[in-house]
Amino acid sequence: MSNPNDSNAAQDALPAIDSIEMAPLCAIFRRHLKEQNLKYTPERADILNAIIEQDGIFEADTLMHGMRAQGDRVSKATVYRTLKLLQDAGIINQTLFDGKQAHYQLVYGRSELDSMVCVNTGAMMQIESTELADLRDAICREHGWEPVGHRFQVYGISPGSTPRSD
């Protein structure tokens, strides 16, 4: 794993950053933790780094198992507590595909993370729509807001899919 304190490694790992100047994710997380009177521990740094290395949506247990496979010592409780802290800091977002398992994705610095999710299989595909951005802008103008981003998720059933048995 790369050093989570290396701001360039954090920024390079994030595709499609929309902000002009992005503060390193570790600095954002450190600031949030300090506001909560919590410490930026090596375990929290490792979890943040593992999330940065994720490609898209992930599950907490999958993240934990992947970290353990790479030799990181991390407990399930620490992973779940850190995910909550990262959510509160606005770095990740929880996305529920169904009532059984929570999924997460890195969202900091990304304005549009639109996707379609098959409720049968959990398969996800990113979508791009200028119409959604136009609608966002119109709604913001109507209420006197300045648009900075949005997230839109469509749930459906993909052709030929069968329900999961888990």
N, C-alpha and C. Protein backbone atom coordinates (compact mmCIF):
# COMPACT_ATOMS: atom_id res chain seq x y z
N MET A 1 0.83 -1.19 0.00
CA MET A 1 0.00 0.00 0.00
C MET A 1 0.87 1.24 0.00
N SER A 2 0.39 2.28 -0.68
CA SER A 2 1.12 3.53 -0.66
C SER A 2 0.86 4.26 0.64
N ASN A 3 1.69 5.23 0.94
CA ASN A 3 1.60 5.97 2.18
C ASN A 3 0.36 6.85 2.19
N PRO A 4 -0.59 6.65 3.16
CA PRO A 4 -1.80 7.44 3.18
C PRO A 4 -1.52 8.90 3.52
N ASN A 5 -0.35 9.20 4.02
CA ASN A 5 -0.01 10.58 4.33
C ASN A 5 0.53 11.31 3.11
N ASP A 6 0.75 10.61 2.01
CA ASP A 6 1.26 11.20 0.80
C ASP A 6 0.09 11.75 0.00
N SER A 7 -0.06 13.08 -0.02
CA SER A 7 -1.22 13.70 -0.65
C SER A 7 -1.27 13.41 -2.13
N ASN A 8 -0.14 13.30 -2.80
CA ASN A 8 -0.16 13.02 -4.23
C ASN A 8 -0.71 11.63 -4.51
N ALA A 9 -0.38 10.65 -3.66
CA ALA A 9 -0.90 9.30 -3.86
C ALA A 9 -2.41 9.30 -3.73
N ALA A 10 -2.96 10.03 -2.76
CA ALA A 10 -4.40 10.10 -2.57
C ALA A 10 -5.07 10.76 -3.76
N GLN A 11 -4.49 11.85 -4.27
CA GLN A 11 -5.10 12.55 -5.37
C GLN A 11 -4.99 11.75 -6.67
N ASP A 12 -3.86 11.10 -6.91
CA ASP A 12 -3.68 10.34 -8.14
C ASP A 12 -4.61 9.15 -8.20
N ALA A 13 -5.02 8.60 -7.06
CA ALA A 13 -5.86 7.42 -7.03
C ALA A 13 -7.32 7.73 -7.34
N LEU A 14 -7.68 9.00 -7.37
CA LEU A 14 -9.06 9.38 -7.58
C LEU A 14 -9.30 9.85 -9.00
N PRO A 15 -10.03 9.09 -9.80
CA PRO A 15 -10.33 9.57 -11.15
C PRO A 15 -11.44 10.62 -11.12
N ALA A 16 -11.48 11.45 -12.12
CA ALA A 16 -12.56 12.41 -12.35
C ALA A 16 -12.82 13.34 -11.17
N ILE A 17 -11.79 13.94 -10.63
CA ILE A 17 -11.97 14.90 -9.55
C ILE A 17 -12.48 16.19 -10.17
N ASP A 18 -13.60 16.69 -9.66
CA ASP A 18 -14.23 17.86 -10.25
C ASP A 18 -13.79 19.17 -9.62
N SER A 19 -13.27 19.15 -8.41
CA SER A 19 -12.88 20.39 -7.77
C SER A 19 -11.56 20.89 -8.35
N ILE A 20 -11.40 22.21 -8.41
CA ILE A 20 -10.19 22.80 -8.98
C ILE A 20 -8.98 22.48 -8.12
N GLU A 21 -9.09 22.69 -6.83
CA GLU A 21 -8.01 22.34 -5.92
C GLU A 21 -8.58 21.43 -4.85
N MET A 22 -8.12 20.17 -4.84
CA MET A 22 -8.62 19.22 -3.86
C MET A 22 -7.64 19.05 -2.73
N ALA A 23 -8.10 19.29 -1.51
CA ALA A 23 -7.24 19.03 -0.35
C ALA A 23 -7.06 17.53 -0.24
N PRO A 24 -5.89 17.09 0.20
CA PRO A 24 -5.69 15.65 0.35
C PRO A 24 -6.75 15.04 1.27
N LEU A 25 -7.21 13.87 0.89
CA LEU A 25 -8.25 13.22 1.68
C LEU A 25 -7.83 12.99 3.12
N CYS A 26 -6.55 12.67 3.31
CA CYS A 26 -6.12 12.43 4.70
C CYS A 26 -6.23 13.71 5.52
N ALA A 27 -5.99 14.87 4.91
CA ALA A 27 -6.11 16.14 5.65
C ALA A 27 -7.57 16.42 6.00
N ILE A 28 -8.47 16.13 5.07
CA ILE A 28 -9.91 16.30 5.32
C ILE A 28 -10.32 15.38 6.47
N PHE A 29 -9.86 14.14 6.43
CA PHE A 29 -10.22 13.17 7.46
C PHE A 29 -9.60 13.56 8.81
N ARG A 30 -8.35 13.98 8.80
CA ARG A 30 -7.69 14.43 10.04
C ARG A 30 -8.46 15.58 10.68
N ARG A 31 -8.86 16.53 9.85
CA ARG A 31 -9.60 17.70 10.37
C ARG A 31 -10.91 17.26 11.01
N HIS A 32 -11.62 16.35 10.33
CA HIS A 32 -12.88 15.85 10.87
C HIS A 32 -12.66 15.12 12.20
N LEU A 33 -11.64 14.28 12.24
CA LEU A 33 -11.35 13.55 13.47
C LEU A 33 -11.00 14.51 14.62
N LYS A 34 -10.21 15.52 14.31
CA LYS A 34 -9.82 16.50 15.33
C LYS A 34 -11.04 17.21 15.89
N GLU A 35 -12.00 17.55 15.03
CA GLU A 35 -13.24 18.17 15.47
C GLU A 35 -14.02 17.26 16.41
N GLN A 36 -13.84 15.95 16.27
CA GLN A 36 -14.53 14.97 17.11
C GLN A 36 -13.67 14.54 18.30
N ASN A 37 -12.51 15.19 18.46
CA ASN A 37 -11.54 14.82 19.50
C ASN A 37 -11.09 13.38 19.37
N LEU A 38 -10.90 12.95 18.12
CA LEU A 38 -10.43 11.60 17.83
C LEU A 38 -9.08 11.69 17.14
N LYS A 39 -8.33 10.58 17.16
CA LYS A 39 -6.99 10.56 16.57
C LYS A 39 -7.00 9.90 15.20
N TYR A 40 -6.06 10.34 14.38
CA TYR A 40 -5.81 9.75 13.07
C TYR A 40 -4.82 8.61 13.30
N THR A 41 -5.35 7.42 13.52
CA THR A 41 -4.52 6.27 13.87
C THR A 41 -4.00 5.58 12.61
N PRO A 42 -2.96 4.77 12.76
CA PRO A 42 -2.47 4.01 11.60
C PRO A 42 -3.56 3.12 10.98
N GLU A 43 -4.43 2.55 11.80
CA GLU A 43 -5.50 1.70 11.29
C GLU A 43 -6.47 2.52 10.44
N ARG A 44 -6.83 3.71 10.92
CA ARG A 44 -7.74 4.58 10.15
C ARG A 44 -7.08 5.01 8.85
N ALA A 45 -5.79 5.30 8.90
CA ALA A 45 -5.05 5.69 7.70
C ALA A 45 -5.04 4.54 6.69
N ASP A 46 -4.83 3.32 7.17
CA ASP A 46 -4.82 2.15 6.28
C ASP A 46 -6.19 1.94 5.64
N ILE A 47 -7.26 2.13 6.41
CA ILE A 47 -8.61 1.96 5.88
C ILE A 47 -8.89 3.01 4.81
N LEU A 48 -8.53 4.26 5.08
CA LEU A 48 -8.72 5.32 4.09
C LEU A 48 -7.94 4.99 2.81
N ASN A 49 -6.71 4.56 2.96
CA ASN A 49 -5.90 4.22 1.80
C ASN A 49 -6.51 3.06 1.01
N ALA A 50 -7.02 2.05 1.71
CA ALA A 50 -7.65 0.90 1.04
C ALA A 50 -8.89 1.35 0.27
N ILE A 51 -9.62 2.31 0.81
CA ILE A 51 -10.81 2.83 0.13
C ILE A 51 -10.40 3.59 -1.12
N ILE A 52 -9.35 4.38 -1.03
CA ILE A 52 -8.86 5.14 -2.18
C ILE A 52 -8.49 4.18 -3.31
N GLU A 53 -7.96 3.01 -2.96
CA GLU A 53 -7.54 2.03 -3.96
C GLU A 53 -8.71 1.23 -4.53
N GLN A 54 -9.91 1.36 -3.94
CA GLN A 54 -11.08 0.64 -4.45
C GLN A 54 -11.50 1.22 -5.79
N ASP A 55 -12.04 0.38 -6.63
CA ASP A 55 -12.55 0.82 -7.91
C ASP A 55 -14.07 0.76 -7.86
N GLY A 56 -14.69 1.85 -7.46
CA GLY A 56 -16.15 1.90 -7.42
C GLY A 56 -16.71 1.52 -6.07
N ILE A 57 -17.82 0.82 -6.10
CA ILE A 57 -18.57 0.49 -4.89
C ILE A 57 -17.98 -0.74 -4.22
N PHE A 58 -17.97 -0.72 -2.88
CA PHE A 58 -17.41 -1.83 -2.11
C PHE A 58 -18.25 -2.10 -0.88
N GLU A 59 -18.08 -3.28 -0.31
CA GLU A 59 -18.72 -3.68 0.94
C GLU A 59 -17.69 -3.63 2.05
N ALA A 60 -18.12 -3.39 3.27
CA ALA A 60 -17.21 -3.29 4.41
C ALA A 60 -16.42 -4.58 4.61
N ASP A 61 -17.10 -5.71 4.56
CA ASP A 61 -16.42 -6.98 4.79
C ASP A 61 -15.40 -7.28 3.69
N THR A 62 -15.74 -6.96 2.44
CA THR A 62 -14.81 -7.16 1.34
C THR A 62 -13.57 -6.29 1.53
N LEU A 63 -13.78 -5.05 1.94
CA LEU A 63 -12.67 -4.15 2.22
C LEU A 63 -11.77 -4.73 3.32
N MET A 64 -12.38 -5.18 4.40
CA MET A 64 -11.63 -5.75 5.52
C MET A 64 -10.84 -6.99 5.10
N HIS A 65 -11.48 -7.89 4.37
CA HIS A 65 -10.79 -9.12 3.93
C HIS A 65 -9.63 -8.79 3.00
N GLY A 66 -9.84 -7.83 2.11
CA GLY A 66 -8.77 -7.41 1.21
C GLY A 66 -7.59 -6.82 1.97
N MET A 67 -7.88 -6.03 2.99
CA MET A 67 -6.81 -5.44 3.80
C MET A 67 -6.05 -6.53 4.55
N ARG A 68 -6.79 -7.47 5.12
CA ARG A 68 -6.13 -8.56 5.85
C ARG A 68 -5.27 -9.40 4.91
N ALA A 69 -5.74 -9.62 3.69
CA ALA A 69 -4.97 -10.39 2.71
C ALA A 69 -3.66 -9.70 2.36
N GLN A 70 -3.63 -8.37 2.49
CA GLN A 70 -2.41 -7.62 2.21
C GLN A 70 -1.55 -7.44 3.46
N GLY A 71 -1.97 -8.06 4.56
CA GLY A 71 -1.17 -8.03 5.77
C GLY A 71 -1.54 -6.95 6.78
N ASP A 72 -2.60 -6.20 6.51
CA ASP A 72 -3.03 -5.18 7.47
C ASP A 72 -3.78 -5.84 8.62
N ARG A 73 -3.46 -5.40 9.81
CA ARG A 73 -4.19 -5.89 10.99
C ARG A 73 -5.30 -4.90 11.29
N VAL A 74 -6.53 -5.32 11.01
CA VAL A 74 -7.67 -4.43 11.21
C VAL A 74 -8.86 -5.27 11.66
N SER A 75 -9.57 -4.74 12.65
CA SER A 75 -10.73 -5.47 13.16
C SER A 75 -11.99 -5.01 12.44
N LYS A 76 -12.99 -5.86 12.49
CA LYS A 76 -14.27 -5.54 11.88
C LYS A 76 -14.86 -4.28 12.51
N ALA A 77 -14.78 -4.18 13.83
CA ALA A 77 -15.31 -3.02 14.53
C ALA A 77 -14.62 -1.73 14.08
N THR A 78 -13.30 -1.78 13.92
CA THR A 78 -12.55 -0.60 13.48
C THR A 78 -12.95 -0.21 12.07
N VAL A 79 -13.14 -1.18 11.20
CA VAL A 79 -13.56 -0.88 9.82
C VAL A 79 -14.91 -0.19 9.84
N TYR A 80 -15.88 -0.74 10.55
CA TYR A 80 -17.22 -0.16 10.56
C TYR A 80 -17.24 1.22 11.23
N ARG A 81 -16.51 1.39 12.31
CA ARG A 81 -16.45 2.71 12.96
C ARG A 81 -15.80 3.73 12.03
N THR A 82 -14.73 3.32 11.34
CA THR A 82 -14.03 4.23 10.44
C THR A 82 -14.90 4.58 9.24
N LEU A 83 -15.64 3.62 8.71
CA LEU A 83 -16.55 3.91 7.60
C LEU A 83 -17.57 4.97 8.02
N LYS A 84 -18.08 4.86 9.22
CA LYS A 84 -19.04 5.85 9.73
C LYS A 84 -18.38 7.23 9.82
N LEU A 85 -17.16 7.29 10.34
CA LEU A 85 -16.44 8.56 10.43
C LEU A 85 -16.17 9.15 9.04
N LEU A 86 -15.81 8.30 8.09
CA LEU A 86 -15.57 8.77 6.72
C LEU A 86 -16.85 9.27 6.06
N GLN A 87 -17.97 8.65 6.39
CA GLN A 87 -19.26 9.14 5.90
C GLN A 87 -19.54 10.51 6.49
N ASP A 88 -19.37 10.63 7.79
CA ASP A 88 -19.63 11.90 8.47
C ASP A 88 -18.74 13.02 7.93
N ALA A 89 -17.54 12.66 7.48
CA ALA A 89 -16.60 13.65 6.93
C ALA A 89 -16.92 13.98 5.47
N GLY A 90 -17.86 13.26 4.86
CA GLY A 90 -18.22 13.51 3.47
C GLY A 90 -17.25 12.91 2.46
N ILE A 91 -16.45 11.96 2.90
CA ILE A 91 -15.45 11.33 2.02
C ILE A 91 -16.04 10.14 1.28
N ILE A 92 -16.87 9.37 1.98
CA ILE A 92 -17.55 8.24 1.34
C ILE A 92 -19.05 8.40 1.55
N ASN A 93 -19.80 7.61 0.80
CA ASN A 93 -21.24 7.61 0.90
C ASN A 93 -21.71 6.17 0.98
N GLN A 94 -22.73 5.93 1.79
CA GLN A 94 -23.31 4.60 1.86
C GLN A 94 -24.40 4.48 0.81
N THR A 95 -24.35 3.40 0.05
CA THR A 95 -25.33 3.14 -0.99
C THR A 95 -25.93 1.77 -0.69
N LEU A 96 -27.23 1.71 -0.51
CA LEU A 96 -27.88 0.43 -0.24
C LEU A 96 -28.46 -0.12 -1.52
N PHE A 97 -28.06 -1.33 -1.88
CA PHE A 97 -28.66 -1.99 -3.03
C PHE A 97 -29.90 -2.76 -2.62
N ASP A 98 -29.90 -3.25 -1.42
CA ASP A 98 -31.05 -3.98 -0.90
C ASP A 98 -31.01 -3.86 0.61
N GLY A 99 -31.93 -4.46 1.28
CA GLY A 99 -31.98 -4.38 2.73
C GLY A 99 -31.00 -5.27 3.44
N LYS A 100 -30.20 -6.04 2.70
CA LYS A 100 -29.32 -7.02 3.33
C LYS A 100 -27.90 -6.51 3.57
N GLN A 101 -27.35 -5.75 2.64
CA GLN A 101 -25.94 -5.40 2.72
C GLN A 101 -25.73 -3.95 2.31
N ALA A 102 -24.99 -3.20 3.14
CA ALA A 102 -24.64 -1.82 2.80
C ALA A 102 -23.42 -1.83 1.88
N HIS A 103 -23.43 -0.92 0.94
CA HIS A 103 -22.32 -0.73 0.03
C HIS A 103 -21.87 0.72 0.16
N TYR A 104 -20.61 0.96 -0.12
CA TYR A 104 -20.03 2.29 0.03
C TYR A 104 -19.28 2.67 -1.23
N GLN A 105 -19.07 3.98 -1.40
CA GLN A 105 -18.23 4.45 -2.49
C GLN A 105 -17.59 5.77 -2.10
N LEU A 106 -16.42 5.99 -2.65
CA LEU A 106 -15.69 7.23 -2.45
C LEU A 106 -16.41 8.33 -3.22
N VAL A 107 -16.75 9.42 -2.55
CA VAL A 107 -17.49 10.49 -3.22
C VAL A 107 -16.82 11.85 -3.13
N TYR A 108 -15.86 12.03 -2.25
CA TYR A 108 -15.27 13.34 -2.07
C TYR A 108 -14.63 13.85 -3.37
N GLY A 109 -14.98 15.06 -3.74
CA GLY A 109 -14.40 15.67 -4.93
C GLY A 109 -15.07 15.28 -6.23
N ARG A 110 -16.07 14.46 -6.16
CA ARG A 110 -16.79 14.03 -7.36
C ARG A 110 -18.19 14.63 -7.31
N SER A 111 -18.58 15.31 -8.35
CA SER A 111 -19.89 15.93 -8.32
C SER A 111 -20.99 15.01 -8.83
N GLU A 112 -20.72 14.19 -9.81
CA GLU A 112 -21.74 13.30 -10.33
C GLU A 112 -21.30 11.85 -10.25
N LEU A 113 -22.09 11.08 -9.56
CA LEU A 113 -21.86 9.64 -9.46
C LEU A 113 -23.18 8.95 -9.76
N ASP A 114 -23.62 9.10 -10.98
CA ASP A 114 -24.91 8.54 -11.37
C ASP A 114 -24.74 7.09 -11.79
N SER A 115 -25.71 6.27 -11.42
CA SER A 115 -25.59 4.85 -11.73
C SER A 115 -26.95 4.18 -11.81
N MET A 116 -26.94 3.00 -12.42
CA MET A 116 -28.09 2.12 -12.44
C MET A 116 -27.67 0.84 -11.73
N VAL A 117 -28.57 0.30 -10.91
CA VAL A 117 -28.28 -0.90 -10.14
C VAL A 117 -29.35 -1.93 -10.40
N CYS A 118 -28.92 -3.14 -10.73
CA CYS A 118 -29.85 -4.25 -10.90
C CYS A 118 -30.19 -4.81 -9.52
N VAL A 119 -31.46 -4.78 -9.16
CA VAL A 119 -31.86 -5.27 -7.83
C VAL A 119 -31.76 -6.78 -7.72
N ASN A 120 -31.73 -7.49 -8.84
CA ASN A 120 -31.59 -8.94 -8.80
C ASN A 120 -30.16 -9.37 -8.53
N THR A 121 -29.21 -8.74 -9.20
CA THR A 121 -27.82 -9.19 -9.14
C THR A 121 -26.90 -8.27 -8.37
N GLY A 122 -27.30 -7.02 -8.16
CA GLY A 122 -26.41 -6.05 -7.53
C GLY A 122 -25.44 -5.43 -8.52
N ALA A 123 -25.50 -5.83 -9.79
CA ALA A 123 -24.62 -5.27 -10.80
C ALA A 123 -24.91 -3.78 -10.95
N MET A 124 -23.85 -3.01 -11.13
CA MET A 124 -24.00 -1.58 -11.24
C MET A 124 -23.31 -1.07 -12.48
N MET A 125 -23.88 -0.06 -13.10
CA MET A 125 -23.21 0.59 -14.22
C MET A 125 -23.35 2.10 -14.05
N GLN A 126 -22.25 2.79 -14.32
CA GLN A 126 -22.24 4.25 -14.27
C GLN A 126 -22.99 4.78 -15.49
N ILE A 127 -23.73 5.87 -15.29
CA ILE A 127 -24.42 6.51 -16.40
C ILE A 127 -24.05 7.99 -16.42
N GLU A 128 -24.08 8.56 -17.59
CA GLU A 128 -23.84 9.99 -17.74
C GLU A 128 -25.06 10.58 -18.42
N SER A 129 -25.54 11.72 -17.89
CA SER A 129 -26.71 12.34 -18.46
C SER A 129 -26.62 13.85 -18.31
N THR A 130 -26.51 14.54 -19.42
CA THR A 130 -26.51 16.00 -19.36
C THR A 130 -27.87 16.51 -18.90
N GLU A 131 -28.92 15.74 -19.19
CA GLU A 131 -30.26 16.14 -18.77
C GLU A 131 -30.37 16.20 -17.24
N LEU A 132 -29.72 15.25 -16.54
CA LEU A 132 -29.75 15.28 -15.08
C LEU A 132 -29.03 16.51 -14.54
N ALA A 133 -27.89 16.83 -15.12
CA ALA A 133 -27.15 18.02 -14.69
C ALA A 133 -27.97 19.28 -14.97
N ASP A 134 -28.65 19.33 -16.12
CA ASP A 134 -29.50 20.47 -16.44
C ASP A 134 -30.65 20.59 -15.46
N LEU A 135 -31.27 19.45 -15.10
CA LEU A 135 -32.36 19.44 -14.14
C LEU A 135 -31.87 19.91 -12.77
N ARG A 136 -30.70 19.41 -12.34
CA ARG A 136 -30.10 19.85 -11.08
C ARG A 136 -29.92 21.36 -11.07
N ASP A 137 -29.34 21.89 -12.15
CA ASP A 137 -29.09 23.33 -12.23
C ASP A 137 -30.39 24.12 -12.17
N ALA A 138 -31.43 23.64 -12.87
CA ALA A 138 -32.72 24.34 -12.87
C ALA A 138 -33.36 24.33 -11.47
N ILE A 139 -33.30 23.19 -10.80
CA ILE A 139 -33.87 23.10 -9.45
C ILE A 139 -33.12 24.04 -8.50
N CYS A 140 -31.80 24.05 -8.60
CA CYS A 140 -31.02 24.94 -7.74
C CYS A 140 -31.36 26.41 -8.01
N ARG A 141 -31.44 26.79 -9.27
CA ARG A 141 -31.78 28.18 -9.61
C ARG A 141 -33.15 28.56 -9.06
N GLU A 142 -34.09 27.63 -9.17
CA GLU A 142 -35.45 27.87 -8.69
C GLU A 142 -35.47 28.20 -7.20
N HIS A 143 -34.54 27.62 -6.46
CA HIS A 143 -34.49 27.83 -5.01
C HIS A 143 -33.38 28.79 -4.59
N GLY A 144 -32.70 29.38 -5.56
CA GLY A 144 -31.65 30.34 -5.24
C GLY A 144 -30.35 29.70 -4.77
N TRP A 145 -30.14 28.46 -5.09
CA TRP A 145 -28.93 27.74 -4.67
C TRP A 145 -27.92 27.74 -5.80
N GLU A 146 -26.67 27.49 -5.43
CA GLU A 146 -25.59 27.32 -6.39
C GLU A 146 -25.32 25.82 -6.52
N PRO A 147 -25.54 25.23 -7.69
CA PRO A 147 -25.31 23.78 -7.83
C PRO A 147 -23.82 23.45 -7.74
N VAL A 148 -23.51 22.40 -6.99
CA VAL A 148 -22.12 21.94 -6.90
C VAL A 148 -21.98 20.47 -7.26
N GLY A 149 -23.08 19.76 -7.39
CA GLY A 149 -23.00 18.35 -7.74
C GLY A 149 -24.30 17.65 -7.45
N HIS A 150 -24.34 16.37 -7.76
CA HIS A 150 -25.51 15.55 -7.45
C HIS A 150 -25.13 14.08 -7.53
N ARG A 151 -26.01 13.24 -7.01
CA ARG A 151 -25.89 11.80 -7.17
C ARG A 151 -27.27 11.28 -7.50
N PHE A 152 -27.34 10.40 -8.47
CA PHE A 152 -28.61 9.85 -8.91
C PHE A 152 -28.43 8.36 -9.10
N GLN A 153 -29.34 7.58 -8.51
CA GLN A 153 -29.23 6.13 -8.63
C GLN A 153 -30.57 5.56 -9.04
N VAL A 154 -30.56 4.78 -10.10
CA VAL A 154 -31.76 4.13 -10.61
C VAL A 154 -31.68 2.66 -10.23
N TYR A 155 -32.76 2.13 -9.68
CA TYR A 155 -32.84 0.71 -9.36
C TYR A 155 -33.77 0.05 -10.38
N GLY A 156 -33.34 -1.05 -10.93
CA GLY A 156 -34.14 -1.75 -11.92
C GLY A 156 -33.71 -3.20 -12.02
N ILE A 157 -34.23 -3.86 -13.02
CA ILE A 157 -33.90 -5.27 -13.25
C ILE A 157 -33.29 -5.35 -14.65
N SER A 158 -32.06 -5.83 -14.72
CA SER A 158 -31.40 -5.93 -16.01
C SER A 158 -31.92 -7.13 -16.78
N PRO A 159 -31.88 -7.05 -18.10
CA PRO A 159 -32.40 -8.15 -18.94
C PRO A 159 -31.72 -9.48 -18.62
N GLY A 160 -32.51 -10.51 -18.45
CA GLY A 160 -31.95 -11.85 -18.24
C GLY A 160 -31.44 -12.12 -16.84
N SER A 161 -31.57 -11.17 -15.93
CA SER A 161 -31.05 -11.39 -14.57
C SER A 161 -32.03 -12.21 -13.75
N THR A 162 -31.48 -12.96 -12.80
CA THR A 162 -32.30 -13.72 -11.87
C THR A 162 -31.95 -13.26 -10.47
N PRO A 163 -32.92 -13.32 -9.57
CA PRO A 163 -32.67 -12.85 -8.21
C PRO A 163 -31.54 -13.63 -7.52
N ARG A 164 -30.78 -12.89 -6.70
CA ARG A 164 -29.72 -13.54 -5.92
C ARG A 164 -30.36 -14.44 -4.88
N SER A 165 -29.64 -15.49 -4.52
CA SER A 165 -30.19 -16.45 -3.55
C SER A 165 -29.68 -16.19 -2.14
N ASP A 166 -28.89 -15.10 -1.93
CA ASP A 166 -28.37 -14.84 -0.57
C ASP A 166 -29.38 -14.12 0.20
